[in-house]
Amino acid sequence: MNLEVIYADPSLAVLNKPSGLLSVPGRGEDKQDCLIARAQQTWPDALTVHRLDMATSGLVVVARGPEVQRLLSQAFARREVHKMYEAVVDGSPPEAKSTVSADEADGSGWQDIQLPLLIDWPNRPRSKVDWEHGKPSHTRWRCKSGVSPEGTTRVELQPITGRTHQLRLHMMAIGHAMLGDALYASPEVCARAPRLLLHARHLKFQHPQTQEWLSFETVVPF
């Protein structure tokens, strides 16, 4: 089984999940091949800590044993894990205004999307913006230099919360759906890429056993 290992030690492993592979098993015999099943072929004690959508590629950390799983899950819940994604979206999102908060280390560019999200049960697996019942959801994003098809923009995305399909839905909601997104983009925008152009590029967290900060970066495959 194909498994791209970025880092591994006796406590955890960081893997690069390809687009099209489930993070965890689905329903049915045809949905048993997934990232955690492949990881357990190498480490029988491997356990899921967080997930990426099937269509999304990029970095995923798995725990070795229930105690490390608990500690890493707590770090995610406390928002102590730093994640950065990269995507290509339709159109040209407006650049951020020059005024930024004083705590911006890099100077400028970040913008916020805060739209409450809710699972759209009649249309699963989709989610939707729901101002009455939705859960608070927060994404930071900015335009990024780099090659992208004409009429599109490359962006960096930082999820502050972790709702289902949050990044995809938030960008669609402001008028800039991701290329290749079969759930939220128009058929025309979806057809502009052979896969969802969303990749979990960067992951940084404190090792639950050694307390050392670990930082990982992968090449964006689009």
C-alpha atoms as a PDB file:
ATOM      1  CA  MET A   1       0.000   0.000   0.000  1.00  0.00           C
ATOM      2  CA  ASN A   2       1.280   3.446  -0.926  1.00  0.00           C
ATOM      3  CA  LEU A   3       2.086   5.571   2.138  1.00  0.00           C
ATOM      4  CA  GLU A   4       4.180   8.730   1.967  1.00  0.00           C
ATOM      5  CA  VAL A   5       5.811   9.168   5.374  1.00  0.00           C
ATOM      6  CA  ILE A   6       7.107  12.670   6.121  1.00  0.00           C
ATOM      7  CA  TYR A   7       8.166  11.927   9.702  1.00  0.00           C
ATOM      8  CA  ALA A   8       7.845   9.050  12.173  1.00  0.00           C
ATOM      9  CA  ASP A   9       8.927   8.268  15.719  1.00  0.00           C
ATOM     10  CA  PRO A  10       7.670   5.859  18.424  1.00  0.00           C
ATOM     11  CA  SER A  11       4.863   8.297  19.365  1.00  0.00           C
ATOM     12  CA  LEU A  12       3.429   9.569  16.084  1.00  0.00           C
ATOM     13  CA  ALA A  13       3.774   9.858  12.328  1.00  0.00           C
ATOM     14  CA  VAL A  14       3.160  12.665   9.841  1.00  0.00           C
ATOM     15  CA  LEU A  15       1.853  11.496   6.471  1.00  0.00           C
ATOM     16  CA  ASN A  16       1.173  13.155   3.123  1.00  0.00           C
ATOM     17  CA  LYS A  17      -2.317  12.071   2.062  1.00  0.00           C
ATOM     18  CA  PRO A  18      -3.038  11.998  -1.679  1.00  0.00           C
ATOM     19  CA  SER A  19      -6.212  13.467  -3.124  1.00  0.00           C
ATOM     20  CA  GLY A  20      -8.879  10.799  -3.608  1.00  0.00           C
ATOM     21  CA  LEU A  21      -7.976   8.744  -0.522  1.00  0.00           C
ATOM     22  CA  LEU A  22     -10.286   8.655   2.492  1.00  0.00           C
ATOM     23  CA  SER A  23      -8.787   9.577   5.864  1.00  0.00           C
ATOM     24  CA  VAL A  24     -10.852   6.930   7.672  1.00  0.00           C
ATOM     25  CA  PRO A  25     -12.969   3.990   6.449  1.00  0.00           C
ATOM     26  CA  GLY A  26     -16.341   4.696   4.895  1.00  0.00           C
ATOM     27  CA  ARG A  27     -19.439   2.537   4.600  1.00  0.00           C
ATOM     28  CA  GLY A  28     -19.106  -0.418   2.300  1.00  0.00           C
ATOM     29  CA  GLU A  29     -16.349  -2.816   1.285  1.00  0.00           C
ATOM     30  CA  ASP A  30     -15.194  -0.440  -1.452  1.00  0.00           C
ATOM     31  CA  LYS A  31     -14.425   2.299   1.094  1.00  0.00           C
ATOM     32  CA  GLN A  32     -12.096   0.399   3.449  1.00  0.00           C
ATOM     33  CA  ASP A  33      -8.853   1.566   1.828  1.00  0.00           C
ATOM     34  CA  CYS A  34      -7.961   4.779   3.655  1.00  0.00           C
ATOM     35  CA  LEU A  35      -5.032   6.625   5.179  1.00  0.00           C
ATOM     36  CA  ILE A  36      -5.383   5.203   8.699  1.00  0.00           C
ATOM     37  CA  ALA A  37      -5.741   1.624   7.369  1.00  0.00           C
ATOM     38  CA  ARG A  38      -2.541   2.069   5.362  1.00  0.00           C
ATOM     39  CA  ALA A  39      -0.803   3.552   8.412  1.00  0.00           C
ATOM     40  CA  GLN A  40      -1.869   0.561  10.518  1.00  0.00           C
ATOM     41  CA  GLN A  41      -0.170  -1.751   8.048  1.00  0.00           C
ATOM     42  CA  THR A  42       3.110  -0.132   9.170  1.00  0.00           C
ATOM     43  CA  TRP A  43       2.177   0.754  12.765  1.00  0.00           C
ATOM     44  CA  PRO A  44      -0.620  -1.461  14.170  1.00  0.00           C
ATOM     45  CA  ASP A  45      -1.144   1.024  17.029  1.00  0.00           C
ATOM     46  CA  ALA A  46      -1.759   3.998  14.678  1.00  0.00           C
ATOM     47  CA  LEU A  47      -4.887   6.006  15.546  1.00  0.00           C
ATOM     48  CA  THR A  48      -6.685   8.907  13.872  1.00  0.00           C
ATOM     49  CA  VAL A  49      -6.280  12.387  15.358  1.00  0.00           C
ATOM     50  CA  HIS A  50      -7.771  14.586  12.611  1.00  0.00           C
ATOM     51  CA  ARG A  51      -8.964  14.200   9.041  1.00  0.00           C
ATOM     52  CA  LEU A  52      -8.750  15.737   5.604  1.00  0.00           C
ATOM     53  CA  ASP A  53     -11.597  15.546   3.107  1.00  0.00           C
ATOM     54  CA  MET A  54     -11.201  12.726   0.606  1.00  0.00           C
ATOM     55  CA  ALA A  55     -10.583  15.228  -2.214  1.00  0.00           C
ATOM     56  CA  THR A  56      -8.031  17.252  -0.211  1.00  0.00           C
ATOM     57  CA  SER A  57      -4.352  16.314  -0.172  1.00  0.00           C
ATOM     58  CA  GLY A  58      -1.670  17.108   2.358  1.00  0.00           C
ATOM     59  CA  LEU A  59      -0.278  16.660   5.835  1.00  0.00           C
ATOM     60  CA  VAL A  60      -1.968  14.508   8.460  1.00  0.00           C
ATOM     61  CA  VAL A  61      -0.590  13.488  11.862  1.00  0.00           C
ATOM     62  CA  VAL A  62      -1.518  10.079  13.304  1.00  0.00           C
ATOM     63  CA  ALA A  63      -0.941   8.978  16.896  1.00  0.00           C
ATOM     64  CA  ARG A  64       0.820   5.821  18.068  1.00  0.00           C
ATOM     65  CA  GLY A  65      -1.462   4.616  20.859  1.00  0.00           C
ATOM     66  CA  PRO A  66      -4.450   6.061  22.753  1.00  0.00           C
ATOM     67  CA  GLU A  67      -2.493   8.297  25.149  1.00  0.00           C
ATOM     68  CA  VAL A  68      -0.752  10.194  22.347  1.00  0.00           C
ATOM     69  CA  GLN A  69      -4.068  10.329  20.482  1.00  0.00           C
ATOM     70  CA  ARG A  70      -5.677  11.945  23.520  1.00  0.00           C
ATOM     71  CA  LEU A  71      -2.911  14.529  23.918  1.00  0.00           C
ATOM     72  CA  LEU A  72      -2.841  15.448  20.235  1.00  0.00           C
ATOM     73  CA  SER A  73      -6.637  15.645  20.085  1.00  0.00           C
ATOM     74  CA  GLN A  74      -6.561  18.056  23.025  1.00  0.00           C
ATOM     75  CA  ALA A  75      -3.982  20.198  21.225  1.00  0.00           C
ATOM     76  CA  PHE A  76      -6.239  20.393  18.171  1.00  0.00           C
ATOM     77  CA  ALA A  77      -9.248  21.235  20.352  1.00  0.00           C
ATOM     78  CA  ARG A  78      -7.303  24.030  22.071  1.00  0.00           C
ATOM     79  CA  ARG A  79      -6.211  25.351  18.635  1.00  0.00           C
ATOM     80  CA  GLU A  80      -2.564  24.834  19.479  1.00  0.00           C
ATOM     81  CA  VAL A  81      -1.866  23.145  16.148  1.00  0.00           C
ATOM     82  CA  HIS A  82      -0.907  25.520  13.341  1.00  0.00           C
ATOM     83  CA  LYS A  83      -2.223  24.574   9.899  1.00  0.00           C
ATOM     84  CA  MET A  84      -1.797  26.249   6.521  1.00  0.00           C
ATOM     85  CA  TYR A  85      -3.517  25.266   3.310  1.00  0.00           C
ATOM     86  CA  GLU A  86      -3.049  26.365  -0.277  1.00  0.00           C
ATOM     87  CA  ALA A  87      -5.762  26.453  -2.934  1.00  0.00           C
ATOM     88  CA  VAL A  88      -6.577  27.809  -6.369  1.00  0.00           C
ATOM     89  CA  VAL A  89      -9.921  29.615  -6.533  1.00  0.00           C
ATOM     90  CA  ASP A  90     -12.089  31.019  -9.278  1.00  0.00           C
ATOM     91  CA  GLY A  91     -11.862  34.736  -9.994  1.00  0.00           C
ATOM     92  CA  SER A  92      -9.842  37.444  -8.296  1.00  0.00           C
ATOM     93  CA  PRO A  93     -10.597  37.943  -4.592  1.00  0.00           C
ATOM     94  CA  PRO A  94     -10.020  41.503  -3.396  1.00  0.00           C
ATOM     95  CA  GLU A  95      -6.655  42.182  -1.795  1.00  0.00           C
ATOM     96  CA  ALA A  96      -6.649  43.050   1.889  1.00  0.00           C
ATOM     97  CA  LYS A  97      -6.641  46.681   2.901  1.00  0.00           C
ATOM     98  CA  SER A  98      -3.293  48.088   3.986  1.00  0.00           C
ATOM     99  CA  THR A  99      -4.374  48.390   7.612  1.00  0.00           C
ATOM    100  CA  VAL A 100      -3.659  45.217   9.594  1.00  0.00           C
ATOM    101  CA  SER A 101      -3.593  44.255  13.227  1.00  0.00           C
ATOM    102  CA  ALA A 102      -0.407  44.960  15.140  1.00  0.00           C
ATOM    103  CA  ASP A 103       0.202  41.295  15.846  1.00  0.00           C
ATOM    104  CA  GLU A 104       0.587  40.384  12.156  1.00  0.00           C
ATOM    105  CA  ALA A 105       4.157  39.143  11.990  1.00  0.00           C
ATOM    106  CA  ASP A 106       4.449  39.344   8.212  1.00  0.00           C
ATOM    107  CA  GLY A 107       2.933  42.810   7.776  1.00  0.00           C
ATOM    108  CA  SER A 108      -0.217  42.480   5.696  1.00  0.00           C
ATOM    109  CA  GLY A 109      -2.525  40.497   3.521  1.00  0.00           C
ATOM    110  CA  TRP A 110      -4.683  38.402   5.831  1.00  0.00           C
ATOM    111  CA  GLN A 111      -8.460  38.689   5.683  1.00  0.00           C
ATOM    112  CA  ASP A 112     -11.172  37.008   7.729  1.00  0.00           C
ATOM    113  CA  ILE A 113     -14.255  34.993   6.843  1.00  0.00           C
ATOM    114  CA  GLN A 114     -16.604  34.365   9.756  1.00  0.00           C
ATOM    115  CA  LEU A 115     -19.741  32.594   8.555  1.00  0.00           C
ATOM    116  CA  PRO A 116     -21.651  30.039  10.708  1.00  0.00           C
ATOM    117  CA  LEU A 117     -21.760  26.564   9.165  1.00  0.00           C
ATOM    118  CA  LEU A 118     -24.131  23.644   9.561  1.00  0.00           C
ATOM    119  CA  ILE A 119     -24.308  20.155   8.036  1.00  0.00           C
ATOM    120  CA  ASP A 120     -26.923  20.247   5.271  1.00  0.00           C
ATOM    121  CA  TRP A 121     -28.584  16.970   6.282  1.00  0.00           C
ATOM    122  CA  PRO A 122     -30.959  16.603   3.285  1.00  0.00           C
ATOM    123  CA  ASN A 123     -27.995  17.167   0.961  1.00  0.00           C
ATOM    124  CA  ARG A 124     -25.213  15.303   2.752  1.00  0.00           C
ATOM    125  CA  PRO A 125     -22.229  15.367   2.609  1.00  0.00           C
ATOM    126  CA  ARG A 126     -22.649  19.092   1.913  1.00  0.00           C
ATOM    127  CA  SER A 127     -22.604  21.790   4.585  1.00  0.00           C
ATOM    128  CA  LYS A 128     -24.189  25.237   4.341  1.00  0.00           C
ATOM    129  CA  VAL A 129     -24.071  28.723   5.807  1.00  0.00           C
ATOM    130  CA  ASP A 130     -26.839  28.958   8.419  1.00  0.00           C
ATOM    131  CA  TRP A 131     -27.130  32.163  10.420  1.00  0.00           C
ATOM    132  CA  GLU A 132     -29.737  30.745  12.807  1.00  0.00           C
ATOM    133  CA  HIS A 133     -28.379  27.303  13.678  1.00  0.00           C
ATOM    134  CA  GLY A 134     -24.834  27.238  12.274  1.00  0.00           C
ATOM    135  CA  LYS A 135     -21.726  26.836  14.414  1.00  0.00           C
ATOM    136  CA  PRO A 136     -19.262  29.752  14.540  1.00  0.00           C
ATOM    137  CA  SER A 137     -16.620  29.221  11.842  1.00  0.00           C
ATOM    138  CA  HIS A 138     -13.528  31.312  11.178  1.00  0.00           C
ATOM    139  CA  THR A 139     -11.072  31.215   8.276  1.00  0.00           C
ATOM    140  CA  ARG A 140      -8.156  33.529   7.559  1.00  0.00           C
ATOM    141  CA  TRP A 141      -7.000  33.836   3.943  1.00  0.00           C
ATOM    142  CA  ARG A 142      -4.800  35.885   1.676  1.00  0.00           C
ATOM    143  CA  CYS A 143      -3.784  35.972  -1.963  1.00  0.00           C
ATOM    144  CA  LYS A 144      -0.476  34.252  -2.751  1.00  0.00           C
ATOM    145  CA  SER A 145       1.929  34.674  -5.618  1.00  0.00           C
ATOM    146  CA  GLY A 146       2.364  31.661  -7.850  1.00  0.00           C
ATOM    147  CA  VAL A 147       1.273  30.146 -11.119  1.00  0.00           C
ATOM    148  CA  SER A 148      -2.458  29.580 -11.590  1.00  0.00           C
ATOM    149  CA  PRO A 149      -4.734  29.316 -14.631  1.00  0.00           C
ATOM    150  CA  GLU A 150      -6.091  32.474 -16.225  1.00  0.00           C
ATOM    151  CA  GLY A 151      -9.061  33.859 -14.327  1.00  0.00           C
ATOM    152  CA  THR A 152      -8.042  32.188 -11.058  1.00  0.00           C
ATOM    153  CA  THR A 153      -6.080  33.121  -7.934  1.00  0.00           C
ATOM    154  CA  ARG A 154      -3.765  31.144  -5.684  1.00  0.00           C
ATOM    155  CA  VAL A 155      -4.574  31.659  -1.989  1.00  0.00           C
ATOM    156  CA  GLU A 156      -3.291  30.621   1.430  1.00  0.00           C
ATOM    157  CA  LEU A 157      -5.866  29.577   4.009  1.00  0.00           C
ATOM    158  CA  GLN A 158      -5.605  29.227   7.772  1.00  0.00           C
ATOM    159  CA  PRO A 159      -8.558  27.532   9.504  1.00  0.00           C
ATOM    160  CA  ILE A 160      -9.104  28.926  12.991  1.00  0.00           C
ATOM    161  CA  THR A 161     -12.025  26.566  13.574  1.00  0.00           C
ATOM    162  CA  GLY A 162     -12.359  23.109  11.998  1.00  0.00           C
ATOM    163  CA  ARG A 163     -15.867  22.665  10.611  1.00  0.00           C
ATOM    164  CA  THR A 164     -16.721  20.182   7.875  1.00  0.00           C
ATOM    165  CA  HIS A 165     -15.698  21.560   4.440  1.00  0.00           C
ATOM    166  CA  GLN A 166     -15.021  24.918   6.102  1.00  0.00           C
ATOM    167  CA  LEU A 167     -12.366  26.220   3.699  1.00  0.00           C
ATOM    168  CA  ARG A 168     -14.227  25.100   0.588  1.00  0.00           C
ATOM    169  CA  LEU A 169     -17.550  26.515   1.729  1.00  0.00           C
ATOM    170  CA  HIS A 170     -16.153  29.796   3.046  1.00  0.00           C
ATOM    171  CA  MET A 171     -14.376  30.579  -0.229  1.00  0.00           C
ATOM    172  CA  MET A 172     -17.464  29.652  -2.230  1.00  0.00           C
ATOM    173  CA  ALA A 173     -19.612  31.840   0.022  1.00  0.00           C
ATOM    174  CA  ILE A 174     -17.528  34.927  -0.805  1.00  0.00           C
ATOM    175  CA  GLY A 175     -17.798  34.180  -4.515  1.00  0.00           C
ATOM    176  CA  HIS A 176     -14.540  32.308  -5.170  1.00  0.00           C
ATOM    177  CA  ALA A 177     -15.090  28.546  -5.228  1.00  0.00           C
ATOM    178  CA  MET A 178     -12.103  26.230  -5.492  1.00  0.00           C
ATOM    179  CA  LEU A 179     -11.274  24.663  -8.829  1.00  0.00           C
ATOM    180  CA  GLY A 180     -12.214  20.995  -9.019  1.00  0.00           C
ATOM    181  CA  ASP A 181     -14.692  21.228  -6.129  1.00  0.00           C
ATOM    182  CA  ALA A 182     -17.507  18.813  -7.006  1.00  0.00           C
ATOM    183  CA  LEU A 183     -19.587  19.836  -3.977  1.00  0.00           C
ATOM    184  CA  TYR A 184     -19.511  23.630  -3.932  1.00  0.00           C
ATOM    185  CA  ALA A 185     -18.247  24.926  -7.290  1.00  0.00           C
ATOM    186  CA  SER A 186     -20.343  25.388 -10.422  1.00  0.00           C
ATOM    187  CA  PRO A 187     -19.946  22.639 -13.050  1.00  0.00           C
ATOM    188  CA  GLU A 188     -17.758  25.001 -15.085  1.00  0.00           C
ATOM    189  CA  VAL A 189     -15.409  25.799 -12.196  1.00  0.00           C
ATOM    190  CA  CYS A 190     -15.323  22.160 -11.101  1.00  0.00           C
ATOM    191  CA  ALA A 191     -14.335  21.087 -14.615  1.00  0.00           C
ATOM    192  CA  ARG A 192     -11.315  23.418 -14.689  1.00  0.00           C
ATOM    193  CA  ALA A 193      -9.191  20.976 -12.660  1.00  0.00           C
ATOM    194  CA  PRO A 194      -8.926  17.175 -12.509  1.00  0.00           C
ATOM    195  CA  ARG A 195      -9.070  17.248  -8.700  1.00  0.00           C
ATOM    196  CA  LEU A 196      -9.948  19.627  -5.876  1.00  0.00           C
ATOM    197  CA  LEU A 197      -7.145  22.193  -5.780  1.00  0.00           C
ATOM    198  CA  LEU A 198      -6.798  22.280  -1.989  1.00  0.00           C
ATOM    199  CA  HIS A 199      -3.677  21.062  -0.167  1.00  0.00           C
ATOM    200  CA  ALA A 200      -2.739  21.006   3.526  1.00  0.00           C
ATOM    201  CA  ARG A 201       0.760  22.405   3.034  1.00  0.00           C
ATOM    202  CA  HIS A 202       2.037  23.203   6.533  1.00  0.00           C
ATOM    203  CA  LEU A 203       1.589  21.615   9.961  1.00  0.00           C
ATOM    204  CA  LYS A 204       3.203  22.719  13.227  1.00  0.00           C
ATOM    205  CA  PHE A 205       2.562  21.320  16.688  1.00  0.00           C
ATOM    206  CA  GLN A 206       4.231  20.528  19.986  1.00  0.00           C
ATOM    207  CA  HIS A 207       5.322  16.911  20.379  1.00  0.00           C
ATOM    208  CA  PRO A 208       3.070  15.457  23.111  1.00  0.00           C
ATOM    209  CA  GLN A 209       5.932  13.510  24.706  1.00  0.00           C
ATOM    210  CA  THR A 210       9.095  15.585  24.245  1.00  0.00           C
ATOM    211  CA  GLN A 211       7.380  19.036  24.136  1.00  0.00           C
ATOM    212  CA  GLU A 212       9.580  19.886  21.157  1.00  0.00           C
ATOM    213  CA  TRP A 213       7.932  21.971  18.437  1.00  0.00           C
ATOM    214  CA  LEU A 214       7.723  20.081  15.142  1.00  0.00           C
ATOM    215  CA  SER A 215       7.138  21.863  11.841  1.00  0.00           C
ATOM    216  CA  PHE A 216       6.459  20.244   8.460  1.00  0.00           C
ATOM    217  CA  GLU A 217       5.997  21.604   4.942  1.00  0.00           C
ATOM    218  CA  THR A 218       5.152  19.791   1.706  1.00  0.00           C
ATOM    219  CA  VAL A 219       5.333  20.776  -1.934  1.00  0.00           C
ATOM    220  CA  VAL A 220       1.917  21.774  -3.297  1.00  0.00           C
ATOM    221  CA  PRO A 221       1.136  19.300  -6.118  1.00  0.00           C
ATOM    222  CA  PHE A 222      -0.706  21.785  -8.344  1.00  0.00           C
END
